[in-house]
Amino acid sequence: MDTGTNSTVVAAEYLGMAITEPPWLNYFRKWGPKLTYDIAEEIKKVEKLLPGKLKSAFDKFIRSLPNEVLGEEGPTGPKLKNNWTGDEV
């Protein structure tokens, strides 16, 4: 598989070259499907049953979980990444 046979340069400002950007490059919304999991509804049901301090501790714990646990959206576009204008990390 030769990945270089059908490649396209999408930016080269650092070389002083004028490149016409493809339209998809300026898409700033999330890419890909949005996935949701039923676990979010189950968590709400449990939270309703808990008394005062236990409810707030449970809420704090749930908020500490990464977003991917309750649902997931695609990544942002390439221009929103740090390495687009800065150093690659």
Protein backbone atom coordinates (compact mmCIF):
# COMPACT_ATOMS: atom_id res chain seq x y z
CA MET A 1 0.00 0.00 0.00
CA ASP A 2 1.61 3.25 -1.14
CA THR A 3 0.00 6.12 0.79
CA GLY A 4 2.00 8.74 -1.11
CA THR A 5 0.41 8.08 -4.52
CA ASN A 6 -2.81 9.91 -3.69
CA SER A 7 -1.83 12.52 -1.10
CA THR A 8 -2.82 16.19 -0.96
CA VAL A 9 -1.00 19.09 0.71
CA VAL A 10 -3.59 20.96 2.77
CA ALA A 11 -1.38 23.65 4.36
CA ALA A 12 2.14 24.99 3.90
CA GLU A 13 2.13 28.56 5.25
CA TYR A 14 5.46 27.94 6.96
CA LEU A 15 7.01 27.39 3.52
CA GLY A 16 5.51 30.60 2.14
CA MET A 17 3.41 28.65 -0.35
CA ALA A 18 -0.16 29.52 -1.26
CA ILE A 19 -2.24 26.37 -0.96
CA THR A 20 -5.97 26.15 -1.66
CA GLU A 21 -7.48 24.42 1.37
CA PRO A 22 -10.06 21.71 0.76
CA PRO A 23 -13.52 22.65 2.12
CA TRP A 24 -13.59 19.85 4.73
CA LEU A 25 -10.60 21.43 6.46
CA ASN A 26 -12.76 24.32 7.71
CA TYR A 27 -15.36 22.05 9.32
CA PHE A 28 -15.22 22.96 13.02
CA ARG A 29 -18.01 20.81 14.42
CA LYS A 30 -17.54 17.34 15.82
CA TRP A 31 -16.82 14.69 13.18
CA GLY A 32 -18.56 11.36 13.15
CA PRO A 33 -21.60 9.97 14.92
CA LYS A 34 -22.75 10.85 18.41
CA LEU A 35 -23.14 7.82 20.64
CA THR A 36 -25.22 7.79 23.79
CA TYR A 37 -25.53 5.08 26.35
CA ASP A 38 -28.55 4.12 28.47
CA ILE A 39 -26.38 4.28 31.58
CA ALA A 40 -27.06 8.04 31.87
CA GLU A 41 -30.76 7.39 32.51
CA GLU A 42 -29.95 4.69 35.07
CA ILE A 43 -27.62 7.07 36.92
CA LYS A 44 -30.40 9.66 37.14
CA LYS A 45 -32.75 7.05 38.63
CA VAL A 46 -30.19 6.09 41.29
CA GLU A 47 -29.48 9.72 42.13
CA LYS A 48 -33.19 10.37 42.79
CA LEU A 49 -33.24 7.60 45.40
CA LEU A 50 -30.23 8.82 47.40
CA PRO A 51 -30.58 11.03 50.51
CA GLY A 52 -28.90 14.50 50.86
CA LYS A 53 -25.14 14.11 51.46
CA LEU A 54 -24.96 10.78 49.71
CA LYS A 55 -26.69 12.33 46.68
CA SER A 56 -24.14 15.18 46.49
CA ALA A 57 -21.21 12.74 46.89
CA PHE A 58 -22.66 10.55 44.14
CA ASP A 59 -23.13 13.60 41.90
CA LYS A 60 -19.51 14.67 42.50
CA PHE A 61 -18.33 11.18 41.61
CA ILE A 62 -20.38 11.08 38.40
CA ARG A 63 -19.06 14.50 37.32
CA SER A 64 -15.49 13.22 37.78
CA LEU A 65 -16.02 10.49 35.18
CA PRO A 66 -14.78 11.16 31.64
CA ASN A 67 -17.45 12.21 29.14
CA GLU A 68 -16.93 9.01 27.15
CA VAL A 69 -18.63 7.00 29.92
CA LEU A 70 -22.01 8.67 29.36
CA GLY A 71 -21.74 9.30 25.65
CA GLU A 72 -19.29 10.09 22.95
CA GLU A 73 -19.00 12.45 20.02
CA GLY A 74 -16.51 12.41 17.19
CA PRO A 75 -13.28 14.44 17.39
CA THR A 76 -12.98 18.09 16.40
CA GLY A 77 -11.53 19.10 13.04
CA PRO A 78 -7.77 19.32 12.37
CA LYS A 79 -7.58 23.13 12.64
CA LEU A 80 -8.74 22.93 16.26
CA LYS A 81 -5.75 20.79 17.27
CA ASN A 82 -2.74 22.35 19.00
CA ASN A 83 -0.29 20.96 16.47
CA TRP A 84 -2.03 22.81 13.62
CA THR A 85 -0.50 26.14 14.62
CA GLY A 86 1.92 25.09 17.35
CA ASP A 87 4.39 22.38 18.18
CA GLU A 88 3.41 18.77 17.64
CA VAL A 89 3.08 16.96 20.94
